Structure formats: C-alpha cells, structure tokens
Amino acid sequence: MTGIVYKSTGSWYTVKSDQGDFVECRIKGKFRMKDIKSTNPIAVGDRVDFEIEENNAQVTGVINTIHDRKNYIVRKSVNLSKQTHIIASNIDIVFLLVTINNPPTTTSFIDRFLVTAEAYGIEAVLVFNKIDTFDEAVLDEQLYMQYIYESIGYQCLRISAKDQKGLDKLTTLMKGKVSMFSGHSGVGKSTLVNAIEPSLNLKTKQISQSHSQGQHTTTFAEMFDLSIGAKIIDTPGIRGFGVVDMEKEEISDYFPEFFKLKENCKFNNCIHKDEPKCAIKEALEKEEISWSRYNSYLKILEGDEEHYRADIYDDERKNSDKGRA
C-alpha cells in the first residue's frame, strides 16, 4: 500500500493510505540505517510504501520504501552534532511566523530559515503575528522589518490569529497546497491553525512571562487536512535553526539580493568578506543591502554555531540596520 506520513513520533508513523485510511506504521531496524544521515529517517510529508502486518489485534503496518522527496526543510540537530533533522518534506509553501517581542524573533533566525527554504526550492512567506498586541514602538519595528524583506521580494503578511485578522490572504495562499507553519515556540502556530480550522482544537499555551519565550505545545510534526482544500503541517517550536550542507561559495546564492549582484564582483569566487571590488560590499556601503542581512550572512559563512543555540537571543537588534555595530 502507498500513503503519506501525517505524523511522526520517532518510532511510530501515522500514514494516510491512498484509500483514505489511517494506519500506524513502524520501520525495520535495517531500514533505519540505510543511507540516511538524519536523526529521523522518515518525516511528515513523505510518501511511503507499507505492508499491513498480519495476526495483530490492531491493524498496523511496516514501511519498506520512501518515495523520492521533491524537497524538505532540514536543520542541524539540537545537540550540535553533525546530524541533521528533517522537519517536513514535499512542501509547496512554508509560512514562518514572526513575533517582535512576544517572544522575540531575531533577524538571524529569520535569515537562516529563509536561506534553507531558498536552498531547497520552497516558497517562503513571512507571517507577522500578534499585531493586536503592538504599541507604537513595536509597530515601527515590525514595519521596518517587513520593509527589509519585502524589498528583497519576500511576501509578508500581518495577522492576528487571536482576533482572526488578516487570515483571508493567508488561506488564499494555502488552498490546494501542502503548507508548513514554523517558528519559535509561542509565536502562535497552533492558535493560527485553530483559527483556520476550529474543529482541530489544537492545544495552546501562554508565553512564559519570566523568559518571554514560548512553551512547547506541539511535540511532534503533524499534518492536517483542512476544509478549505489544503493540507497544513504544524511543527514543534524551533528555538534555533542551524544551516547545513552548504559550501561557503554557494551561501550567497540563497540571499536573493546578493545573487543579483554577485556577477559584478571582481572575482568569480568572491565570498563577499575581504575581497576587493566586491559588489555586495559596495551595495552595503550605499545602504542598498540590509546590514542585518549581511550580518546574518557572515554568521552563516563563519559557521557560528552559537547563534542558533536554543537559549541564545543575542542583542540582534543592536546589530540591525539601525546600526553597524
């Protein structure tokens, strides 16, 4: 039988067969190690072949084949090992939920996520959530951040999942597609899914007031069928996002505004750091490129693992476009 993985708990996988039945499946140990370097050999969104196990009181299955993935979102394992973790696969569009201070989403985190989406050919949209909580200062910061990314070419939405404001544009983009919601814990992913499809009634939690960080509510990635004619993958909150499997020379290709200018650099192998007559650095000095984006690029280039660690919210905004520190 063939189906799509709707939920992964690490050892068991909920697969929806092409006939519409949900079957709890596992994989064999040998299959677990075969040519797979990620911590999770099977991810939500994978199309798989499986066999029904006989002589079992409950109908279960064994997955024996993963179909080729058209794409996937991958990040470094949280334990800083060389292993990777596939968040989800076969995605048409990914929505990164961003909150300004409740909890804070840094530009470094946003840029790392966007670079990965670019590398794997997945359309990414920034969703600025909780606009109902903004005072004037927070609004200014949000609009400035939105300006940065819209000027690059990324679509940005402003919504309030709590008050169900701005959902029309979001659901229009989702229809007929497999979408993924991602972002830090506490940015409102599950609340947003509930706003779109109230019958799902996903669990939500309040922000931790002492740390201004979200508390994990979604434990495992899970796909849901929506009545609007779409599929949504809700994912656990990501505190840090490590970029993987990129050569230094190709990183700038995944910054669209860098890619447009790189052919004007004096050297073909320019990595836009110390080389003379670099078109990216010249544009930076003219403020045609965002300083926060360039700072993010340097961190990825230098492989600064600490900047995606779970508990680090460095003073990112002090190094944003408002200053060159």
C-alpha atoms as a PDB file:
ATOM      1  CA  MET A   1       0.000   0.000   0.000  1.00  0.00           C
ATOM      2  CA  THR A   2       1.045   3.599  -0.550  1.00  0.00           C
ATOM      3  CA  GLY A   3       0.311   6.663   1.538  1.00  0.00           C
ATOM      4  CA  ILE A   4       1.546   9.911   3.076  1.00  0.00           C
ATOM      5  CA  VAL A   5       3.065  10.258   6.543  1.00  0.00           C
ATOM      6  CA  TYR A   6       0.801  12.524   8.605  1.00  0.00           C
ATOM      7  CA  LYS A   7       2.516  12.214  11.978  1.00  0.00           C
ATOM      8  CA  SER A   8       5.889  11.085  13.300  1.00  0.00           C
ATOM      9  CA  THR A   9       6.563  10.331  16.954  1.00  0.00           C
ATOM     10  CA  GLY A  10      10.055   8.996  16.426  1.00  0.00           C
ATOM     11  CA  SER A  11       9.237   5.297  16.451  1.00  0.00           C
ATOM     12  CA  TRP A  12       5.709   5.157  15.016  1.00  0.00           C
ATOM     13  CA  TYR A  13       4.346   6.909  11.958  1.00  0.00           C
ATOM     14  CA  THR A  14       0.729   7.671  11.169  1.00  0.00           C
ATOM     15  CA  VAL A  15       0.238   7.057   7.451  1.00  0.00           C
ATOM     16  CA  LYS A  16      -2.852   8.023   5.465  1.00  0.00           C
ATOM     17  CA  SER A  17      -3.248   5.489   2.673  1.00  0.00           C
ATOM     18  CA  ASP A  18      -4.366   6.434  -0.817  1.00  0.00           C
ATOM     19  CA  GLN A  19      -7.674   4.802   0.133  1.00  0.00           C
ATOM     20  CA  GLY A  20      -8.129   7.311   2.958  1.00  0.00           C
ATOM     21  CA  ASP A  21      -7.396   5.020   5.917  1.00  0.00           C
ATOM     22  CA  PHE A  22      -5.011   5.967   8.729  1.00  0.00           C
ATOM     23  CA  VAL A  23      -2.572   3.209   9.700  1.00  0.00           C
ATOM     24  CA  GLU A  24       0.022   3.251  12.478  1.00  0.00           C
ATOM     25  CA  CYS A  25       3.305   2.083  10.950  1.00  0.00           C
ATOM     26  CA  ARG A  26       6.840   1.360  12.062  1.00  0.00           C
ATOM     27  CA  ILE A  27      10.087   0.737  10.212  1.00  0.00           C
ATOM     28  CA  LYS A  28      12.533  -2.117  10.429  1.00  0.00           C
ATOM     29  CA  GLY A  29      15.895  -1.575  12.097  1.00  0.00           C
ATOM     30  CA  LYS A  30      17.940  -2.266   8.977  1.00  0.00           C
ATOM     31  CA  PHE A  31      15.925   0.279   7.033  1.00  0.00           C
ATOM     32  CA  ARG A  32      16.590   2.858   9.742  1.00  0.00           C
ATOM     33  CA  MET A  33      20.325   2.910   8.972  1.00  0.00           C
ATOM     34  CA  LYS A  34      20.257   2.630   5.185  1.00  0.00           C
ATOM     35  CA  ASP A  35      21.839   5.667   3.501  1.00  0.00           C
ATOM     36  CA  ILE A  36      20.132   8.037   5.937  1.00  0.00           C
ATOM     37  CA  LYS A  37      22.195  10.546   7.916  1.00  0.00           C
ATOM     38  CA  SER A  38      19.335  12.419   9.582  1.00  0.00           C
ATOM     39  CA  THR A  39      18.090  11.717  13.080  1.00  0.00           C
ATOM     40  CA  ASN A  40      14.675  10.921  11.593  1.00  0.00           C
ATOM     41  CA  PRO A  41      14.747   8.655   8.523  1.00  0.00           C
ATOM     42  CA  ILE A  42      11.079   9.356   7.791  1.00  0.00           C
ATOM     43  CA  ALA A  43       9.439  12.775   8.013  1.00  0.00           C
ATOM     44  CA  VAL A  44       5.914  14.131   7.895  1.00  0.00           C
ATOM     45  CA  GLY A  45       5.002  14.679   4.253  1.00  0.00           C
ATOM     46  CA  ASP A  46       6.941  11.658   2.999  1.00  0.00           C
ATOM     47  CA  ARG A  47       5.197   9.409   0.512  1.00  0.00           C
ATOM     48  CA  VAL A  48       5.852   5.803   1.511  1.00  0.00           C
ATOM     49  CA  ASP A  49       5.028   2.206   0.667  1.00  0.00           C
ATOM     50  CA  PHE A  50       3.994  -0.045   3.533  1.00  0.00           C
ATOM     51  CA  GLU A  51       2.713  -3.535   4.228  1.00  0.00           C
ATOM     52  CA  ILE A  52      -0.069  -4.417   6.636  1.00  0.00           C
ATOM     53  CA  GLU A  53       1.092  -6.632   9.490  1.00  0.00           C
ATOM     54  CA  GLU A  54      -0.938  -9.807   9.984  1.00  0.00           C
ATOM     55  CA  ASN A  55      -2.010 -11.554  13.188  1.00  0.00           C
ATOM     56  CA  ASN A  56      -2.263  -8.303  15.043  1.00  0.00           C
ATOM     57  CA  ALA A  57      -5.214  -7.267  17.191  1.00  0.00           C
ATOM     58  CA  GLN A  58      -4.745  -3.701  15.971  1.00  0.00           C
ATOM     59  CA  VAL A  59      -4.114  -3.076  12.280  1.00  0.00           C
ATOM     60  CA  THR A  60      -0.533  -1.830  11.914  1.00  0.00           C
ATOM     61  CA  GLY A  61       1.922  -1.568   9.061  1.00  0.00           C
ATOM     62  CA  VAL A  62       5.616  -1.746   8.244  1.00  0.00           C
ATOM     63  CA  ILE A  63       7.122   0.935   5.993  1.00  0.00           C
ATOM     64  CA  ASN A  64       9.515  -0.514   3.435  1.00  0.00           C
ATOM     65  CA  THR A  65      10.070   2.286   0.898  1.00  0.00           C
ATOM     66  CA  ILE A  66      10.309   6.084   0.914  1.00  0.00           C
ATOM     67  CA  HIS A  67       9.492   7.740  -2.403  1.00  0.00           C
ATOM     68  CA  ASP A  68      11.862  10.413  -3.674  1.00  0.00           C
ATOM     69  CA  ARG A  69      11.260  13.768  -1.964  1.00  0.00           C
ATOM     70  CA  LYS A  70      10.717  16.843  -4.120  1.00  0.00           C
ATOM     71  CA  ASN A  71      12.078  18.972  -1.256  1.00  0.00           C
ATOM     72  CA  TYR A  72      12.337  19.175   2.501  1.00  0.00           C
ATOM     73  CA  ILE A  73      13.219  21.558   5.313  1.00  0.00           C
ATOM     74  CA  VAL A  74      16.257  20.386   7.254  1.00  0.00           C
ATOM     75  CA  ARG A  75      18.194  21.798  10.168  1.00  0.00           C
ATOM     76  CA  LYS A  76      21.037  20.802  12.447  1.00  0.00           C
ATOM     77  CA  SER A  77      20.229  18.551  15.344  1.00  0.00           C
ATOM     78  CA  VAL A  78      19.739  20.478  18.568  1.00  0.00           C
ATOM     79  CA  ASN A  79      22.641  18.698  20.267  1.00  0.00           C
ATOM     80  CA  LEU A  80      25.132  20.405  17.927  1.00  0.00           C
ATOM     81  CA  SER A  81      26.099  17.076  16.395  1.00  0.00           C
ATOM     82  CA  LYS A  82      26.812  16.729  12.705  1.00  0.00           C
ATOM     83  CA  GLN A  83      23.495  15.008  12.258  1.00  0.00           C
ATOM     84  CA  THR A  84      20.528  16.735  10.694  1.00  0.00           C
ATOM     85  CA  HIS A  85      16.824  16.677  11.401  1.00  0.00           C
ATOM     86  CA  ILE A  86      14.246  16.772   8.611  1.00  0.00           C
ATOM     87  CA  ILE A  87      11.346  18.905   9.827  1.00  0.00           C
ATOM     88  CA  ALA A  88       8.975  18.040   6.960  1.00  0.00           C
ATOM     89  CA  SER A  89       9.068  17.092   3.286  1.00  0.00           C
ATOM     90  CA  ASN A  90       7.227  17.631  -0.007  1.00  0.00           C
ATOM     91  CA  ILE A  91       6.138  21.146   0.930  1.00  0.00           C
ATOM     92  CA  ASP A  92       4.581  23.620  -1.517  1.00  0.00           C
ATOM     93  CA  ILE A  93       4.833  26.716   0.664  1.00  0.00           C
ATOM     94  CA  VAL A  94       6.201  27.466   4.134  1.00  0.00           C
ATOM     95  CA  PHE A  95       4.943  30.189   6.448  1.00  0.00           C
ATOM     96  CA  LEU A  96       7.444  31.433   9.025  1.00  0.00           C
ATOM     97  CA  LEU A  97       5.582  33.010  11.909  1.00  0.00           C
ATOM     98  CA  VAL A  98       7.416  36.019  13.302  1.00  0.00           C
ATOM     99  CA  THR A  99       6.709  37.874  16.538  1.00  0.00           C
ATOM    100  CA  ILE A 100       8.553  41.033  17.524  1.00  0.00           C
ATOM    101  CA  ASN A 101       8.795  40.715  21.288  1.00  0.00           C
ATOM    102  CA  ASN A 102       6.306  38.092  22.410  1.00  0.00           C
ATOM    103  CA  PRO A 103       8.567  36.077  22.069  1.00  0.00           C
ATOM    104  CA  PRO A 104      11.312  37.876  20.082  1.00  0.00           C
ATOM    105  CA  THR A 105      12.193  36.534  16.638  1.00  0.00           C
ATOM    106  CA  THR A 106      15.666  37.659  15.563  1.00  0.00           C
ATOM    107  CA  THR A 107      16.630  38.580  12.030  1.00  0.00           C
ATOM    108  CA  SER A 108      19.398  35.982  12.266  1.00  0.00           C
ATOM    109  CA  PHE A 109      16.825  33.239  12.847  1.00  0.00           C
ATOM    110  CA  ILE A 110      14.630  34.507  10.012  1.00  0.00           C
ATOM    111  CA  ASP A 111      17.550  34.657   7.594  1.00  0.00           C
ATOM    112  CA  ARG A 112      18.790  31.161   8.432  1.00  0.00           C
ATOM    113  CA  PHE A 113      15.324  29.796   7.799  1.00  0.00           C
ATOM    114  CA  LEU A 114      14.922  31.694   4.517  1.00  0.00           C
ATOM    115  CA  VAL A 115      18.326  30.537   3.295  1.00  0.00           C
ATOM    116  CA  THR A 116      17.318  26.922   3.857  1.00  0.00           C
ATOM    117  CA  ALA A 117      13.988  27.439   2.082  1.00  0.00           C
ATOM    118  CA  GLU A 118      15.817  29.013  -0.871  1.00  0.00           C
ATOM    119  CA  ALA A 119      18.323  26.164  -0.985  1.00  0.00           C
ATOM    120  CA  TYR A 120      15.585  23.543  -1.206  1.00  0.00           C
ATOM    121  CA  GLY A 121      13.355  25.470  -3.597  1.00  0.00           C
ATOM    122  CA  ILE A 122      10.457  26.119  -1.221  1.00  0.00           C
ATOM    123  CA  GLU A 123       8.416  29.319  -1.410  1.00  0.00           C
ATOM    124  CA  ALA A 124       8.610  31.133   1.929  1.00  0.00           C
ATOM    125  CA  VAL A 125       6.217  33.739   3.318  1.00  0.00           C
ATOM    126  CA  LEU A 126       6.793  35.746   6.497  1.00  0.00           C
ATOM    127  CA  VAL A 127       3.736  35.988   8.745  1.00  0.00           C
ATOM    128  CA  PHE A 128       3.958  38.738  11.346  1.00  0.00           C
ATOM    129  CA  ASN A 129       1.592  37.537  14.052  1.00  0.00           C
ATOM    130  CA  LYS A 130       0.050  39.140  17.157  1.00  0.00           C
ATOM    131  CA  ILE A 131      -0.432  42.565  15.551  1.00  0.00           C
ATOM    132  CA  ASP A 132      -3.249  43.091  18.067  1.00  0.00           C
ATOM    133  CA  THR A 133      -0.601  43.451  20.821  1.00  0.00           C
ATOM    134  CA  PHE A 134       1.535  46.134  19.141  1.00  0.00           C
ATOM    135  CA  ASP A 135       2.182  49.507  20.694  1.00  0.00           C
ATOM    136  CA  GLU A 136       3.657  52.286  18.558  1.00  0.00           C
ATOM    137  CA  ALA A 137       7.290  51.295  19.113  1.00  0.00           C
ATOM    138  CA  VAL A 138       6.670  47.629  18.339  1.00  0.00           C
ATOM    139  CA  LEU A 139       4.653  48.570  15.268  1.00  0.00           C
ATOM    140  CA  ASP A 140       7.534  50.696  13.969  1.00  0.00           C
ATOM    141  CA  GLU A 141       9.945  47.810  14.446  1.00  0.00           C
ATOM    142  CA  GLN A 142       7.626  45.357  12.723  1.00  0.00           C
ATOM    143  CA  LEU A 143       7.022  47.632   9.742  1.00  0.00           C
ATOM    144  CA  TYR A 144      10.743  48.260   9.390  1.00  0.00           C
ATOM    145  CA  MET A 145      11.453  44.529   9.432  1.00  0.00           C
ATOM    146  CA  GLN A 146       8.667  43.989   6.898  1.00  0.00           C
ATOM    147  CA  TYR A 147      10.187  46.660   4.652  1.00  0.00           C
ATOM    148  CA  ILE A 148      13.534  44.850   4.654  1.00  0.00           C
ATOM    149  CA  TYR A 149      12.080  41.558   3.489  1.00  0.00           C
ATOM    150  CA  GLU A 150       9.508  42.935   1.053  1.00  0.00           C
ATOM    151  CA  SER A 151      12.250  44.942  -0.663  1.00  0.00           C
ATOM    152  CA  ILE A 152      14.100  41.661  -1.246  1.00  0.00           C
ATOM    153  CA  GLY A 153      10.997  40.057  -2.729  1.00  0.00           C
ATOM    154  CA  TYR A 154       9.535  38.053   0.139  1.00  0.00           C
ATOM    155  CA  GLN A 155       5.806  38.244   0.679  1.00  0.00           C
ATOM    156  CA  CYS A 156       4.860  39.406   4.174  1.00  0.00           C
ATOM    157  CA  LEU A 157       1.506  39.116   5.918  1.00  0.00           C
ATOM    158  CA  ARG A 158       0.298  40.908   9.041  1.00  0.00           C
ATOM    159  CA  ILE A 159      -2.196  38.908  11.074  1.00  0.00           C
ATOM    160  CA  SER A 160      -3.720  38.352  14.464  1.00  0.00           C
ATOM    161  CA  ALA A 161      -4.528  34.692  14.920  1.00  0.00           C
ATOM    162  CA  LYS A 162      -6.219  35.560  18.216  1.00  0.00           C
ATOM    163  CA  ASP A 163      -8.576  38.118  16.633  1.00  0.00           C
ATOM    164  CA  GLN A 164      -8.672  36.314  13.257  1.00  0.00           C
ATOM    165  CA  LYS A 165      -7.469  39.404  11.408  1.00  0.00           C
ATOM    166  CA  GLY A 166      -5.719  39.101   8.058  1.00  0.00           C
ATOM    167  CA  LEU A 167      -6.494  35.410   7.584  1.00  0.00           C
ATOM    168  CA  ASP A 168      -8.064  35.780   4.121  1.00  0.00           C
ATOM    169  CA  LYS A 169      -4.759  36.391   2.325  1.00  0.00           C
ATOM    170  CA  LEU A 170      -3.153  33.519   4.224  1.00  0.00           C
ATOM    171  CA  THR A 171      -5.841  30.954   3.406  1.00  0.00           C
ATOM    172  CA  THR A 172      -5.864  32.071  -0.231  1.00  0.00           C
ATOM    173  CA  LEU A 173      -2.151  31.218  -0.459  1.00  0.00           C
ATOM    174  CA  MET A 174      -2.764  27.861   1.236  1.00  0.00           C
ATOM    175  CA  LYS A 175      -5.591  26.497  -0.923  1.00  0.00           C
ATOM    176  CA  GLY A 176      -4.682  23.435  -2.960  1.00  0.00           C
ATOM    177  CA  LYS A 177      -1.219  23.232  -1.397  1.00  0.00           C
ATOM    178  CA  VAL A 178       0.758  21.462   1.320  1.00  0.00           C
ATOM    179  CA  SER A 179       1.750  24.239   3.705  1.00  0.00           C
ATOM    180  CA  MET A 180       4.005  24.247   6.732  1.00  0.00           C
ATOM    181  CA  PHE A 181       3.832  26.589   9.715  1.00  0.00           C
ATOM    182  CA  SER A 182       7.128  27.124  11.503  1.00  0.00           C
ATOM    183  CA  GLY A 183       8.710  29.477  14.008  1.00  0.00           C
ATOM    184  CA  HIS A 184       9.713  29.762  17.653  1.00  0.00           C
ATOM    185  CA  SER A 185       7.624  28.257  20.417  1.00  0.00           C
ATOM    186  CA  GLY A 186       4.939  30.731  21.402  1.00  0.00           C
ATOM    187  CA  VAL A 187       4.591  32.601  18.098  1.00  0.00           C
ATOM    188  CA  GLY A 188       1.080  31.232  17.692  1.00  0.00           C
ATOM    189  CA  LYS A 189       1.325  28.385  15.192  1.00  0.00           C
ATOM    190  CA  SER A 190      -1.287  26.158  16.832  1.00  0.00           C
ATOM    191  CA  THR A 191      -3.537  29.141  17.579  1.00  0.00           C
ATOM    192  CA  LEU A 192      -3.370  30.055  13.898  1.00  0.00           C
ATOM    193  CA  VAL A 193      -4.252  26.529  12.784  1.00  0.00           C
ATOM    194  CA  ASN A 194      -7.211  26.620  15.191  1.00  0.00           C
ATOM    195  CA  ALA A 195      -8.324  29.965  13.752  1.00  0.00           C
ATOM    196  CA  ILE A 196      -8.324  28.476  10.261  1.00  0.00           C
ATOM    197  CA  GLU A 197      -9.857  25.145  11.303  1.00  0.00           C
ATOM    198  CA  PRO A 198     -11.527  25.456  14.754  1.00  0.00           C
ATOM    199  CA  SER A 199     -12.614  21.800  14.775  1.00  0.00           C
ATOM    200  CA  LEU A 200      -8.978  20.704  15.200  1.00  0.00           C
ATOM    201  CA  ASN A 201      -8.803  22.347  18.638  1.00  0.00           C
ATOM    202  CA  LEU A 202      -5.012  22.075  18.915  1.00  0.00           C
ATOM    203  CA  LYS A 203      -3.511  22.655  22.346  1.00  0.00           C
ATOM    204  CA  THR A 204      -2.008  26.075  23.046  1.00  0.00           C
ATOM    205  CA  LYS A 205      -0.090  27.609  25.952  1.00  0.00           C
ATOM    206  CA  GLN A 206       0.676  31.058  27.223  1.00  0.00           C
ATOM    207  CA  ILE A 207       4.051  32.748  26.861  1.00  0.00           C
ATOM    208  CA  SER A 208       6.435  32.303  29.792  1.00  0.00           C
ATOM    209  CA  GLN A 209       6.472  35.764  31.342  1.00  0.00           C
ATOM    210  CA  SER A 210       9.830  35.233  33.048  1.00  0.00           C
ATOM    211  CA  HIS A 211      11.717  34.444  29.848  1.00  0.00           C
ATOM    212  CA  SER A 212       9.438  35.954  27.161  1.00  0.00           C
ATOM    213  CA  GLN A 213       9.721  32.633  25.355  1.00  0.00           C
ATOM    214  CA  GLY A 214       7.096  30.223  24.202  1.00  0.00           C
ATOM    215  CA  GLN A 215       6.407  26.902  25.782  1.00  0.00           C
ATOM    216  CA  HIS A 216       6.323  23.827  23.574  1.00  0.00           C
ATOM    217  CA  THR A 217       2.764  22.747  22.809  1.00  0.00           C
ATOM    218  CA  THR A 218       3.259  20.813  19.583  1.00  0.00           C
ATOM    219  CA  THR A 219       5.533  17.885  20.440  1.00  0.00           C
ATOM    220  CA  PHE A 220       5.707  16.248  17.021  1.00  0.00           C
ATOM    221  CA  ALA A 221       5.203  17.489  13.480  1.00  0.00           C
ATOM    222  CA  GLU A 222       1.741  16.606  12.233  1.00  0.00           C
ATOM    223  CA  MET A 223      -0.196  17.128   9.006  1.00  0.00           C
ATOM    224  CA  PHE A 224      -3.883  18.020   8.936  1.00  0.00           C
ATOM    225  CA  ASP A 225      -6.463  18.096   6.147  1.00  0.00           C
ATOM    226  CA  LEU A 226      -8.292  21.432   6.139  1.00  0.00           C
ATOM    227  CA  SER A 227     -11.816  22.135   4.944  1.00  0.00           C
ATOM    228  CA  ILE A 228     -10.508  24.973   2.737  1.00  0.00           C
ATOM    229  CA  GLY A 229      -8.954  22.355   0.458  1.00  0.00           C
ATOM    230  CA  ALA A 230      -5.432  22.448   1.835  1.00  0.00           C
ATOM    231  CA  LYS A 231      -3.025  20.448   3.969  1.00  0.00           C
ATOM    232  CA  ILE A 232      -1.103  22.037   6.810  1.00  0.00           C
ATOM    233  CA  ILE A 233       1.927  20.715   8.664  1.00  0.00           C
ATOM    234  CA  ASP A 234       2.116  22.052  12.211  1.00  0.00           C
ATOM    235  CA  THR A 235       5.628  21.751  13.649  1.00  0.00           C
ATOM    236  CA  PRO A 236       7.191  21.936  17.117  1.00  0.00           C
ATOM    237  CA  GLY A 237       8.610  25.314  18.045  1.00  0.00           C
ATOM    238  CA  ILE A 238      12.175  25.830  16.830  1.00  0.00           C
ATOM    239  CA  ARG A 239      14.384  27.777  19.216  1.00  0.00           C
ATOM    240  CA  GLY A 240      17.419  27.661  16.965  1.00  0.00           C
ATOM    241  CA  PHE A 241      17.918  26.950  13.292  1.00  0.00           C
ATOM    242  CA  GLY A 242      21.263  25.677  12.001  1.00  0.00           C
ATOM    243  CA  VAL A 243      22.055  25.787   8.298  1.00  0.00           C
ATOM    244  CA  VAL A 244      23.534  22.580   6.912  1.00  0.00           C
ATOM    245  CA  ASP A 245      25.172  21.122   3.816  1.00  0.00           C
ATOM    246  CA  MET A 246      26.256  24.358   2.154  1.00  0.00           C
ATOM    247  CA  GLU A 247      29.622  25.258   0.705  1.00  0.00           C
ATOM    248  CA  LYS A 248      30.892  28.728   1.554  1.00  0.00           C
ATOM    249  CA  GLU A 249      30.902  29.753  -2.101  1.00  0.00           C
ATOM    250  CA  GLU A 250      27.201  28.964  -2.544  1.00  0.00           C
ATOM    251  CA  ILE A 251      25.726  30.549   0.594  1.00  0.00           C
ATOM    252  CA  SER A 252      25.325  33.956  -1.045  1.00  0.00           C
ATOM    253  CA  ASP A 253      23.263  32.327  -3.823  1.00  0.00           C
ATOM    254  CA  TYR A 254      20.477  31.844  -1.277  1.00  0.00           C
ATOM    255  CA  PHE A 255      20.367  35.541  -0.416  1.00  0.00           C
ATOM    256  CA  PRO A 256      18.372  36.783  -3.462  1.00  0.00           C
ATOM    257  CA  GLU A 257      19.631  40.352  -3.206  1.00  0.00           C
ATOM    258  CA  PHE A 258      23.245  39.096  -3.110  1.00  0.00           C
ATOM    259  CA  PHE A 259      22.711  36.705  -6.002  1.00  0.00           C
ATOM    260  CA  LYS A 260      21.542  39.541  -8.261  1.00  0.00           C
ATOM    261  CA  LEU A 261      24.805  41.440  -7.715  1.00  0.00           C
ATOM    262  CA  LYS A 262      27.467  38.744  -7.411  1.00  0.00           C
ATOM    263  CA  GLU A 263      28.259  38.694 -11.136  1.00  0.00           C
ATOM    264  CA  ASN A 264      29.560  42.257 -10.728  1.00  0.00           C
ATOM    265  CA  CYS A 265      32.198  41.182  -8.212  1.00  0.00           C
ATOM    266  CA  LYS A 266      35.789  41.295  -9.482  1.00  0.00           C
ATOM    267  CA  PHE A 267      36.441  37.672  -8.527  1.00  0.00           C
ATOM    268  CA  ASN A 268      34.228  34.789  -9.573  1.00  0.00           C
ATOM    269  CA  ASN A 269      34.855  33.009  -6.272  1.00  0.00           C
ATOM    270  CA  CYS A 270      34.219  36.099  -4.154  1.00  0.00           C
ATOM    271  CA  ILE A 271      32.679  35.282  -0.789  1.00  0.00           C
ATOM    272  CA  HIS A 272      31.954  38.958  -0.088  1.00  0.00           C
ATOM    273  CA  LYS A 273      34.045  39.282   3.015  1.00  0.00           C
ATOM    274  CA  ASP A 274      37.606  40.551   2.484  1.00  0.00           C
ATOM    275  CA  GLU A 275      37.934  40.668  -1.318  1.00  0.00           C
ATOM    276  CA  PRO A 276      38.454  43.982  -3.155  1.00  0.00           C
ATOM    277  CA  LYS A 277      35.857  45.355  -5.589  1.00  0.00           C
ATOM    278  CA  CYS A 278      33.068  43.249  -4.141  1.00  0.00           C
ATOM    279  CA  ALA A 279      29.669  44.305  -5.497  1.00  0.00           C
ATOM    280  CA  ILE A 280      27.862  43.135  -2.363  1.00  0.00           C
ATOM    281  CA  LYS A 281      30.059  45.190  -0.031  1.00  0.00           C
ATOM    282  CA  GLU A 282      29.776  48.212  -2.310  1.00  0.00           C
ATOM    283  CA  ALA A 283      25.978  47.912  -2.226  1.00  0.00           C
ATOM    284  CA  LEU A 284      26.173  47.537   1.535  1.00  0.00           C
ATOM    285  CA  GLU A 285      28.083  50.805   1.892  1.00  0.00           C
ATOM    286  CA  LYS A 286      25.439  52.510  -0.249  1.00  0.00           C
ATOM    287  CA  GLU A 287      22.779  51.006   2.040  1.00  0.00           C
ATOM    288  CA  GLU A 288      21.260  49.189  -0.910  1.00  0.00           C
ATOM    289  CA  ILE A 289      21.612  45.945   1.071  1.00  0.00           C
ATOM    290  CA  SER A 290      20.435  45.483   4.637  1.00  0.00           C
ATOM    291  CA  TRP A 291      23.134  45.366   7.297  1.00  0.00           C
ATOM    292  CA  SER A 292      21.154  42.819   9.303  1.00  0.00           C
ATOM    293  CA  ARG A 293      21.066  40.525   6.277  1.00  0.00           C
ATOM    294  CA  TYR A 294      24.811  40.908   5.735  1.00  0.00           C
ATOM    295  CA  ASN A 295      25.482  40.202   9.408  1.00  0.00           C
ATOM    296  CA  SER A 296      23.388  37.037   9.116  1.00  0.00           C
ATOM    297  CA  TYR A 297      25.337  36.056   6.026  1.00  0.00           C
ATOM    298  CA  LEU A 298      28.652  36.444   7.867  1.00  0.00           C
ATOM    299  CA  LYS A 299      27.430  34.291  10.751  1.00  0.00           C
ATOM    300  CA  ILE A 300      26.399  31.515   8.390  1.00  0.00           C
ATOM    301  CA  LEU A 301      29.637  31.891   6.425  1.00  0.00           C
ATOM    302  CA  GLU A 302      31.733  31.634   9.557  1.00  0.00           C
ATOM    303  CA  GLY A 303      29.751  28.662  10.829  1.00  0.00           C
ATOM    304  CA  ASP A 304      28.992  30.380  14.114  1.00  0.00           C
ATOM    305  CA  GLU A 305      27.102  27.525  15.752  1.00  0.00           C
ATOM    306  CA  GLU A 306      26.381  29.509  18.892  1.00  0.00           C
ATOM    307  CA  HIS A 307      23.953  31.809  17.114  1.00  0.00           C
ATOM    308  CA  TYR A 308      21.398  29.112  16.611  1.00  0.00           C
ATOM    309  CA  ARG A 309      21.670  27.624  20.091  1.00  0.00           C
ATOM    310  CA  ALA A 310      18.380  27.219  21.888  1.00  0.00           C
ATOM    311  CA  ASP A 311      18.924  29.683  24.698  1.00  0.00           C
ATOM    312  CA  ILE A 312      20.727  32.472  22.864  1.00  0.00           C
ATOM    313  CA  TYR A 313      18.886  35.607  21.898  1.00  0.00           C
ATOM    314  CA  ASP A 314      21.934  37.801  21.423  1.00  0.00           C
ATOM    315  CA  ASP A 315      21.419  41.519  21.046  1.00  0.00           C
ATOM    316  CA  GLU A 316      20.485  41.030  17.440  1.00  0.00           C
ATOM    317  CA  ARG A 317      18.638  44.236  17.037  1.00  0.00           C
ATOM    318  CA  LYS A 318      21.636  46.231  18.263  1.00  0.00           C
ATOM    319  CA  ASN A 319      23.383  44.958  15.165  1.00  0.00           C
ATOM    320  CA  SER A 320      20.438  45.541  12.873  1.00  0.00           C
ATOM    321  CA  ASP A 321      20.033  48.045  10.084  1.00  0.00           C
ATOM    322  CA  LYS A 322      19.756  50.837  12.607  1.00  0.00           C
ATOM    323  CA  GLY A 323      23.455  50.493  13.396  1.00  0.00           C
ATOM    324  CA  ARG A 324      26.608  48.899  12.024  1.00  0.00           C
ATOM    325  CA  ALA A 325      27.996  47.561  15.267  1.00  0.00           C
END
